[in-house]
Amino acid sequence: MALALAAATFLLGAPPADVFDLFRFLLLSSIPSLLLGFLLFTSIRRFLRLQGQIMLAYALGLAIVLANVALTAYLMFLSPHDLALLSLLLVFAAMLSLAVGIALADILARNLERLAQAAEAVADGNFNTRVDLEGPDEVGELARAFNRMASRVEEAFERERAVESARREMIAAISHDLRTPVASTRVMVEALLDKVVTDEVTAGRYLATARAELERLGLLIDDLFELARLEAGTLEMELELASLQDLISDTLQSMGPQAQAHGVRLEGHVDEHVGPVRMSPQQIQRVLYNLVQNAIRHTPADGTIAISVRPVAGAVEVCVADTGEGIASEDLPHVFERFYRGEKSRSRSTGGTGLGLAIARGIVEAHGGAIWAESNQGHGTTVRFTLPS
């Protein structure tokens, strides 16, 4: 209204009396028409879809314009000819504006309909659904936000599916590894109880085998418990400055007889520039034992296992390299997974619980380090892990 009055004053040069009359006429026509239009829109819009609401807003806006211009022109005593001509021009302009509004509303409604269909597709489980709507407007922003949401939902679903698959595999592996020693021990004990075996040598062999199976079962339960604590973050780590040189020496001394029994040479070397490292000596010792035991199981006689430590950027790197059978390329990315059964890397027949490398990874990562394996099948395997220095 202020703009209309200013235009009448400065552009048309209307006298103050005419400007005041124009103010009264505009006030008389605008306030009732705006209130009426607002009430109509709010009462009708709930029954309409978005396209209908946009068209209703256009129609009410045009009706308010026509009513205000017609009433103001009538009150200002325009001639019938001028009033008819003005009304004709206004109606023509209103039709053009309405046509543009219909086109814009149709485009907006179609884009929103595509978004709605995409949302329904995601709700039905099609998480790879995306909406191709480009543009700087709010609909484009909504489409990009929807695509980001769909990507995150898809990633979360894939992670959940992978976790569920791993859970099923783990349960199957645990069931097998628990059932095998229990069944074997039961058969031997029943044979002894039923007097199927009578000579002392065979009975002693049965008892020794049963004890070995029970020990294996105990190791599996212990490893499962430790892995569960690692994954839950409840495994206590008492960090202190300790020497890796001492840990390597202890590992060589403890694992030497086992390596010698398999005809494998066990070597160790620590770079002179490696200083004390903040760690849990007991847990890192467990990592070294697991890695060396795994290497001994997969290294043939006359092979070599070398443990080395060297400084790297901001950390120290521990390396356990063997000259064994190696790991197939398709198995290599999975060797640190729980109960992963590769071609040879985690075979039950070689002993172990299938959890040693998973526990090693959990301990190293709990120290803020990283662990990985490198291997060429038939040319040995190297497992490296780092600890912050």
Protein backbone atom coordinates (compact mmCIF):
# COMPACT_ATOMS: atom_id res chain seq x y z
CA MET A 1 0.00 0.00 0.00
CA ALA A 2 2.84 2.37 0.83
CA LEU A 3 4.38 1.74 -2.59
CA ALA A 4 1.07 2.46 -4.31
CA LEU A 5 0.65 5.73 -2.44
CA ALA A 6 4.26 6.73 -3.13
CA ALA A 7 3.82 5.99 -6.84
CA ALA A 8 0.62 8.04 -6.96
CA THR A 9 2.37 10.97 -5.28
CA PHE A 10 5.73 11.05 -7.06
CA LEU A 11 5.04 9.41 -10.41
CA LEU A 12 1.51 10.58 -11.12
CA GLY A 13 1.76 13.88 -9.24
CA ALA A 14 -1.62 13.32 -7.57
CA PRO A 15 -2.72 16.05 -5.15
CA PRO A 16 -2.83 15.20 -1.42
CA ALA A 17 -6.63 14.95 -1.41
CA ASP A 18 -6.61 12.31 -4.16
CA VAL A 19 -3.83 10.43 -2.42
CA PHE A 20 -5.84 10.37 0.79
CA ASP A 21 -8.91 9.09 -1.11
CA LEU A 22 -6.77 6.40 -2.70
CA PHE A 23 -5.52 5.41 0.74
CA ARG A 24 -9.08 5.05 2.03
CA PHE A 25 -10.16 3.02 -0.99
CA LEU A 26 -7.17 0.69 -0.78
CA LEU A 27 -7.64 0.20 2.94
CA LEU A 28 -11.34 -0.48 2.45
CA SER A 29 -10.75 -3.10 -0.22
CA SER A 30 -7.48 -4.75 0.83
CA ILE A 31 -8.09 -5.73 4.45
CA PRO A 32 -11.42 -7.56 3.94
CA SER A 33 -10.20 -9.24 0.75
CA LEU A 34 -6.98 -10.46 2.38
CA LEU A 35 -8.82 -11.81 5.41
CA LEU A 36 -11.40 -13.51 3.23
CA GLY A 37 -8.71 -14.99 0.96
CA PHE A 38 -6.72 -16.31 3.94
CA LEU A 39 -9.79 -17.92 5.50
CA LEU A 40 -10.78 -19.54 2.21
CA PHE A 41 -7.27 -20.88 1.61
CA THR A 42 -6.84 -22.36 5.10
CA SER A 43 -10.27 -23.98 5.04
CA ILE A 44 -9.98 -25.51 1.55
CA ARG A 45 -6.27 -26.48 1.31
CA ARG A 46 -6.63 -29.50 3.62
CA PHE A 47 -8.77 -31.21 0.97
CA LEU A 48 -6.32 -30.60 -1.90
CA ARG A 49 -3.02 -32.06 -3.03
CA LEU A 50 0.01 -29.80 -3.40
CA GLN A 51 -0.73 -28.91 -7.01
CA GLY A 52 -4.29 -28.00 -6.09
CA GLN A 53 -3.07 -25.88 -3.17
CA ILE A 54 -0.72 -23.94 -5.44
CA MET A 55 -3.49 -23.36 -7.95
CA LEU A 56 -5.84 -22.28 -5.16
CA ALA A 57 -3.26 -19.77 -3.94
CA TYR A 58 -2.85 -18.42 -7.48
CA ALA A 59 -6.59 -18.18 -8.02
CA LEU A 60 -7.25 -16.45 -4.69
CA GLY A 61 -4.37 -14.04 -5.30
CA LEU A 62 -5.69 -13.12 -8.73
CA ALA A 63 -9.23 -12.79 -7.39
CA ILE A 64 -8.00 -10.41 -4.66
CA VAL A 65 -6.13 -8.33 -7.26
CA LEU A 66 -9.14 -8.13 -9.55
CA ALA A 67 -11.51 -7.31 -6.70
CA ASN A 68 -9.25 -4.58 -5.30
CA VAL A 69 -8.60 -2.96 -8.66
CA ALA A 70 -12.24 -3.15 -9.69
CA LEU A 71 -13.52 -1.73 -6.39
CA THR A 72 -10.91 1.02 -6.28
CA ALA A 73 -11.59 1.96 -9.89
CA TYR A 74 -15.32 2.02 -9.22
CA LEU A 75 -14.97 4.16 -6.13
CA MET A 76 -12.73 6.58 -8.03
CA PHE A 77 -15.54 7.04 -10.54
CA LEU A 78 -13.85 5.74 -13.69
CA SER A 79 -16.02 5.87 -16.76
CA PRO A 80 -17.82 2.66 -17.69
CA HIS A 81 -15.70 2.38 -20.83
CA ASP A 82 -12.42 2.75 -18.94
CA LEU A 83 -13.60 0.38 -16.21
CA ALA A 84 -14.58 -2.28 -18.78
CA LEU A 85 -11.26 -1.93 -20.61
CA LEU A 86 -9.34 -2.14 -17.35
CA SER A 87 -11.31 -5.21 -16.28
CA LEU A 88 -10.65 -6.89 -19.64
CA LEU A 89 -6.93 -6.27 -19.37
CA LEU A 90 -6.87 -7.53 -15.80
CA VAL A 91 -8.74 -10.71 -16.71
CA PHE A 92 -6.36 -11.34 -19.61
CA ALA A 93 -3.34 -10.82 -17.36
CA ALA A 94 -4.91 -13.07 -14.75
CA MET A 95 -5.38 -15.86 -17.30
CA LEU A 96 -1.76 -15.61 -18.39
CA SER A 97 -0.60 -15.65 -14.79
CA LEU A 98 -2.84 -18.63 -14.04
CA ALA A 99 -1.43 -20.54 -17.02
CA VAL A 100 2.11 -19.93 -15.78
CA GLY A 101 1.05 -21.00 -12.30
CA ILE A 102 -0.45 -24.23 -13.64
CA ALA A 103 2.78 -25.06 -15.47
CA LEU A 104 4.97 -24.33 -12.46
CA ALA A 105 2.68 -26.24 -10.10
CA ASP A 106 2.69 -29.23 -12.44
CA ILE A 107 6.51 -29.30 -12.56
CA LEU A 108 6.76 -29.03 -8.78
CA ALA A 109 4.09 -31.67 -8.24
CA ARG A 110 5.81 -34.12 -10.62
CA ASN A 111 9.16 -33.66 -8.89
CA LEU A 112 7.61 -34.20 -5.48
CA GLU A 113 5.76 -37.24 -6.80
CA ARG A 114 9.11 -38.69 -7.91
CA LEU A 115 10.46 -38.10 -4.43
CA ALA A 116 7.41 -39.78 -2.91
CA GLN A 117 7.79 -42.81 -5.20
CA ALA A 118 11.49 -43.06 -4.32
CA ALA A 119 10.65 -42.91 -0.61
CA GLU A 120 8.10 -45.72 -1.09
CA ALA A 121 10.75 -47.76 -2.91
CA VAL A 122 13.20 -47.33 -0.02
CA ALA A 123 10.45 -48.24 2.44
CA ASP A 124 9.90 -51.45 0.43
CA GLY A 125 13.58 -52.38 0.80
CA ASN A 126 15.01 -51.04 -2.47
CA PHE A 127 17.85 -49.17 -0.78
CA ASN A 128 19.70 -48.47 -4.04
CA THR A 129 16.94 -46.08 -5.16
CA ARG A 130 18.12 -42.57 -6.02
CA VAL A 131 16.36 -39.43 -7.30
CA ASP A 132 17.89 -37.51 -10.20
CA LEU A 133 16.68 -33.97 -9.50
CA GLU A 134 19.26 -31.24 -9.97
CA GLY A 135 18.85 -27.59 -9.18
CA PRO A 136 19.57 -24.95 -6.55
CA ASP A 137 15.98 -24.76 -5.31
CA GLU A 138 14.49 -26.40 -2.24
CA VAL A 139 13.28 -29.43 -4.21
CA GLY A 140 16.82 -30.03 -5.47
CA GLU A 141 18.15 -29.73 -1.92
CA LEU A 142 15.48 -32.16 -0.74
CA ALA A 143 16.45 -34.63 -3.49
CA ARG A 144 20.13 -34.44 -2.55
CA ALA A 145 19.28 -34.91 1.12
CA PHE A 146 17.11 -37.91 0.18
CA ASN A 147 19.95 -39.45 -1.85
CA ARG A 148 22.37 -39.00 1.05
CA MET A 149 19.85 -40.59 3.39
CA ALA A 150 19.28 -43.51 1.00
CA SER A 151 23.04 -44.05 0.67
CA ARG A 152 23.47 -44.15 4.44
CA VAL A 153 20.51 -46.50 4.83
CA GLU A 154 21.95 -48.77 2.14
CA GLU A 155 25.37 -48.76 3.81
CA ALA A 156 23.81 -49.47 7.21
CA PHE A 157 21.75 -52.31 5.72
CA GLU A 158 24.84 -53.81 4.06
CA ARG A 159 26.74 -53.59 7.34
CA GLU A 160 23.85 -55.19 9.18
CA ARG A 161 23.63 -57.96 6.59
CA ALA A 162 27.39 -58.56 6.84
CA VAL A 163 27.19 -58.65 10.64
CA GLU A 164 24.27 -61.08 10.51
CA SER A 165 26.11 -63.29 8.03
CA ALA A 166 29.23 -63.22 10.20
CA ARG A 167 27.13 -64.04 13.26
CA ARG A 168 25.60 -67.08 11.57
CA GLU A 169 29.01 -68.25 10.38
CA MET A 170 30.47 -67.74 13.85
CA ILE A 171 27.67 -69.70 15.50
CA ALA A 172 28.14 -72.53 12.99
CA ALA A 173 31.91 -72.52 13.55
CA ILE A 174 31.59 -72.44 17.34
CA SER A 175 29.04 -75.25 17.23
CA HIS A 176 31.37 -77.38 15.13
CA ASP A 177 34.46 -76.62 17.22
CA LEU A 178 32.60 -77.36 20.45
CA ARG A 179 30.84 -80.45 19.14
CA THR A 180 33.96 -82.10 17.67
CA PRO A 181 36.05 -82.47 20.87
CA VAL A 182 32.97 -83.27 22.94
CA ALA A 183 31.87 -86.02 20.54
CA SER A 184 35.39 -87.43 20.27
CA THR A 185 35.86 -87.46 24.04
CA ARG A 186 32.46 -89.05 24.59
CA VAL A 187 33.20 -91.88 22.16
CA MET A 188 36.51 -92.67 23.86
CA VAL A 189 35.07 -92.47 27.38
CA GLU A 190 32.14 -94.72 26.40
CA ALA A 191 34.59 -97.19 24.89
CA LEU A 192 36.48 -97.29 28.17
CA LEU A 193 33.32 -97.58 30.28
CA ASP A 194 31.86 -100.34 28.10
CA LYS A 195 35.14 -102.31 28.29
CA VAL A 196 35.51 -102.16 24.52
CA VAL A 197 39.15 -101.28 25.13
CA THR A 198 40.83 -103.59 27.61
CA ASP A 199 44.59 -103.29 27.10
CA GLU A 200 46.29 -100.56 29.11
CA VAL A 201 48.27 -99.11 26.20
CA THR A 202 45.18 -98.37 24.12
CA ALA A 203 43.29 -97.13 27.17
CA GLY A 204 46.15 -94.79 28.01
CA ARG A 205 46.18 -93.52 24.45
CA TYR A 206 42.42 -92.91 24.62
CA LEU A 207 42.78 -90.99 27.88
CA ALA A 208 45.63 -88.88 26.50
CA THR A 209 43.60 -88.07 23.40
CA ALA A 210 40.57 -87.18 25.53
CA ARG A 211 42.71 -84.89 27.67
CA ALA A 212 44.09 -83.19 24.53
CA GLU A 213 40.57 -82.68 23.21
CA LEU A 214 39.44 -81.19 26.51
CA GLU A 215 42.48 -78.91 26.55
CA ARG A 216 41.61 -77.78 23.05
CA LEU A 217 38.05 -77.14 24.19
CA GLY A 218 39.33 -75.10 27.13
CA LEU A 219 41.55 -73.03 24.82
CA LEU A 220 38.59 -72.34 22.55
CA ILE A 221 36.44 -71.18 25.47
CA ASP A 222 39.26 -68.97 26.79
CA ASP A 223 39.79 -67.43 23.35
CA LEU A 224 36.08 -66.79 22.92
CA PHE A 225 35.93 -65.09 26.30
CA GLU A 226 38.95 -62.91 25.54
CA LEU A 227 37.64 -61.98 22.10
CA ALA A 228 34.27 -61.06 23.60
CA ARG A 229 35.98 -58.78 26.13
CA LEU A 230 38.05 -57.18 23.38
CA GLU A 231 35.02 -56.45 21.23
CA ALA A 232 33.07 -55.16 24.23
CA GLY A 233 35.99 -52.95 25.27
CA THR A 234 36.12 -54.48 28.75
CA LEU A 235 39.56 -56.11 28.48
CA GLU A 236 41.79 -54.30 30.96
CA MET A 237 44.98 -52.89 29.45
CA GLU A 238 47.59 -51.72 31.94
CA LEU A 239 49.83 -49.63 29.70
CA GLU A 240 53.42 -49.01 30.68
CA LEU A 241 56.73 -48.21 29.02
CA ALA A 242 58.23 -51.57 28.16
CA SER A 243 60.97 -52.97 25.96
CA LEU A 244 60.08 -54.84 22.80
CA GLN A 245 63.57 -56.32 22.92
CA ASP A 246 62.62 -58.17 26.10
CA LEU A 247 59.33 -59.38 24.60
CA ILE A 248 61.06 -60.69 21.48
CA SER A 249 63.67 -62.48 23.61
CA ASP A 250 60.94 -64.07 25.75
CA THR A 251 59.06 -65.13 22.62
CA LEU A 252 62.15 -66.74 21.09
CA GLN A 253 62.87 -68.57 24.33
CA SER A 254 59.28 -69.74 24.90
CA MET A 255 58.46 -70.70 21.31
CA GLY A 256 61.91 -72.08 20.47
CA PRO A 257 61.22 -75.66 21.56
CA GLN A 258 57.94 -75.79 19.61
CA ALA A 259 59.65 -74.44 16.51
CA GLN A 260 62.52 -76.90 16.93
CA ALA A 261 60.05 -79.77 17.24
CA HIS A 262 58.65 -78.80 13.84
CA GLY A 263 62.13 -78.41 12.34
CA VAL A 264 61.68 -74.65 11.93
CA ARG A 265 64.34 -72.01 12.65
CA LEU A 266 63.18 -69.09 14.80
CA GLU A 267 65.10 -65.82 14.58
CA GLY A 268 64.71 -62.34 16.02
CA HIS A 269 66.16 -58.88 15.51
CA VAL A 270 65.32 -55.50 17.05
CA ASP A 271 66.64 -52.29 15.49
CA GLU A 272 68.94 -50.44 17.86
CA HIS A 273 66.94 -47.22 17.40
CA VAL A 274 63.78 -48.75 18.86
CA GLY A 275 63.17 -47.45 22.38
CA PRO A 276 60.63 -48.36 25.04
CA VAL A 277 57.02 -48.40 23.88
CA ARG A 278 53.91 -47.62 25.91
CA MET A 279 51.93 -50.85 25.83
CA SER A 280 50.53 -53.75 27.81
CA PRO A 281 53.47 -56.21 27.77
CA GLN A 282 51.25 -59.18 28.63
CA GLN A 283 48.85 -58.50 25.76
CA ILE A 284 51.54 -57.75 23.16
CA GLN A 285 53.28 -60.94 24.26
CA ARG A 286 49.99 -62.73 23.50
CA VAL A 287 49.98 -61.19 20.02
CA LEU A 288 53.54 -62.39 19.37
CA TYR A 289 52.71 -65.90 20.62
CA ASN A 290 49.63 -66.08 18.39
CA LEU A 291 51.52 -64.91 15.31
CA VAL A 292 54.49 -67.21 15.87
CA GLN A 293 52.28 -70.23 16.65
CA ASN A 294 50.31 -69.58 13.48
CA ALA A 295 53.54 -69.30 11.49
CA ILE A 296 54.93 -72.55 12.96
CA ARG A 297 51.76 -74.44 11.98
CA HIS A 298 52.09 -73.33 8.36
CA THR A 299 55.85 -73.47 7.86
CA PRO A 300 57.36 -76.77 6.67
CA ALA A 301 60.49 -78.32 8.13
CA ASP A 302 63.73 -76.48 7.34
CA GLY A 303 61.72 -73.26 7.08
CA THR A 304 62.46 -70.01 8.87
CA ILE A 305 60.40 -67.64 10.99
CA ALA A 306 61.93 -64.21 11.54
CA ILE A 307 60.70 -61.64 14.07
CA SER A 308 61.93 -58.10 13.53
CA VAL A 309 61.21 -54.67 15.00
CA ARG A 310 62.04 -51.34 13.40
CA PRO A 311 61.02 -47.71 13.86
CA VAL A 312 58.62 -46.08 11.40
CA ALA A 313 57.01 -42.63 11.33
CA GLY A 314 55.55 -42.05 14.80
CA ALA A 315 55.43 -45.77 15.60
CA VAL A 316 57.33 -49.02 15.75
CA GLU A 317 56.63 -51.87 13.36
CA VAL A 318 56.80 -55.51 14.43
CA CYS A 319 57.12 -58.06 11.64
CA VAL A 320 56.67 -61.85 11.79
CA ALA A 321 57.74 -63.39 8.47
CA ASP A 322 57.77 -67.08 7.58
CA THR A 323 58.79 -69.17 4.59
CA GLY A 324 55.67 -71.28 4.73
CA GLU A 325 52.90 -72.18 2.35
CA GLY A 326 51.49 -68.66 2.08
CA ILE A 327 47.88 -67.56 1.91
CA ALA A 328 45.67 -67.49 -1.17
CA SER A 329 44.92 -64.00 -2.44
CA GLU A 330 41.18 -64.49 -1.97
CA ASP A 331 41.74 -65.48 1.68
CA LEU A 332 44.21 -62.73 2.57
CA PRO A 333 41.68 -59.93 3.29
CA HIS A 334 39.80 -62.21 5.69
CA VAL A 335 42.50 -63.89 7.79
CA PHE A 336 41.84 -61.61 10.80
CA GLU A 337 38.14 -62.43 10.88
CA ARG A 338 36.72 -64.71 13.56
CA PHE A 339 36.63 -68.39 12.54
CA TYR A 340 37.47 -67.58 8.93
CA ARG A 341 38.21 -70.86 7.19
CA GLY A 342 40.42 -70.21 4.22
CA GLU A 343 41.89 -72.86 2.00
CA LYS A 344 44.75 -73.51 4.45
CA SER A 345 45.12 -70.39 6.51
CA ARG A 346 42.58 -71.47 9.13
CA SER A 347 42.17 -75.19 8.67
CA ARG A 348 40.93 -77.05 11.73
CA SER A 349 43.30 -79.90 10.98
CA THR A 350 46.33 -77.71 11.69
CA GLY A 351 45.25 -77.05 15.28
CA GLY A 352 44.40 -73.78 16.94
CA THR A 353 41.00 -72.31 17.61
CA GLY A 354 40.68 -70.07 14.56
CA LEU A 355 40.59 -67.03 16.84
CA GLY A 356 44.29 -66.23 17.32
CA LEU A 357 44.59 -63.66 14.53
CA ALA A 358 41.25 -62.08 15.45
CA ILE A 359 42.45 -61.68 19.04
CA ALA A 360 45.77 -60.27 17.81
CA ARG A 361 43.94 -57.68 15.75
CA GLY A 362 41.74 -56.70 18.69
CA ILE A 363 44.73 -56.25 21.01
CA VAL A 364 46.75 -54.22 18.51
CA GLU A 365 43.81 -51.96 17.66
CA ALA A 366 43.13 -51.47 21.38
CA HIS A 367 46.68 -50.06 21.57
CA GLY A 368 45.90 -47.62 18.75
CA GLY A 369 47.91 -49.60 16.21
CA ALA A 370 47.18 -51.47 13.00
CA ILE A 371 47.83 -55.02 11.82
CA TRP A 372 47.87 -56.51 8.34
CA ALA A 373 49.18 -59.50 6.40
CA GLU A 374 51.17 -59.79 3.18
CA SER A 375 51.55 -63.09 1.36
CA ASN A 376 52.30 -64.78 -1.93
CA GLN A 377 51.01 -68.32 -2.02
CA GLY A 378 53.92 -70.72 -1.94
CA HIS A 379 56.39 -68.01 -0.88
CA GLY A 380 55.55 -67.40 2.75
CA THR A 381 53.55 -64.89 4.76
CA THR A 382 54.48 -61.70 6.57
CA VAL A 383 52.28 -60.26 9.32
CA ARG A 384 53.05 -56.71 10.41
CA PHE A 385 51.61 -54.62 13.20
CA THR A 386 52.40 -51.15 14.48
CA LEU A 387 52.32 -49.58 17.92
CA PRO A 388 52.42 -45.83 18.56
CA SER A 389 55.87 -44.88 19.79
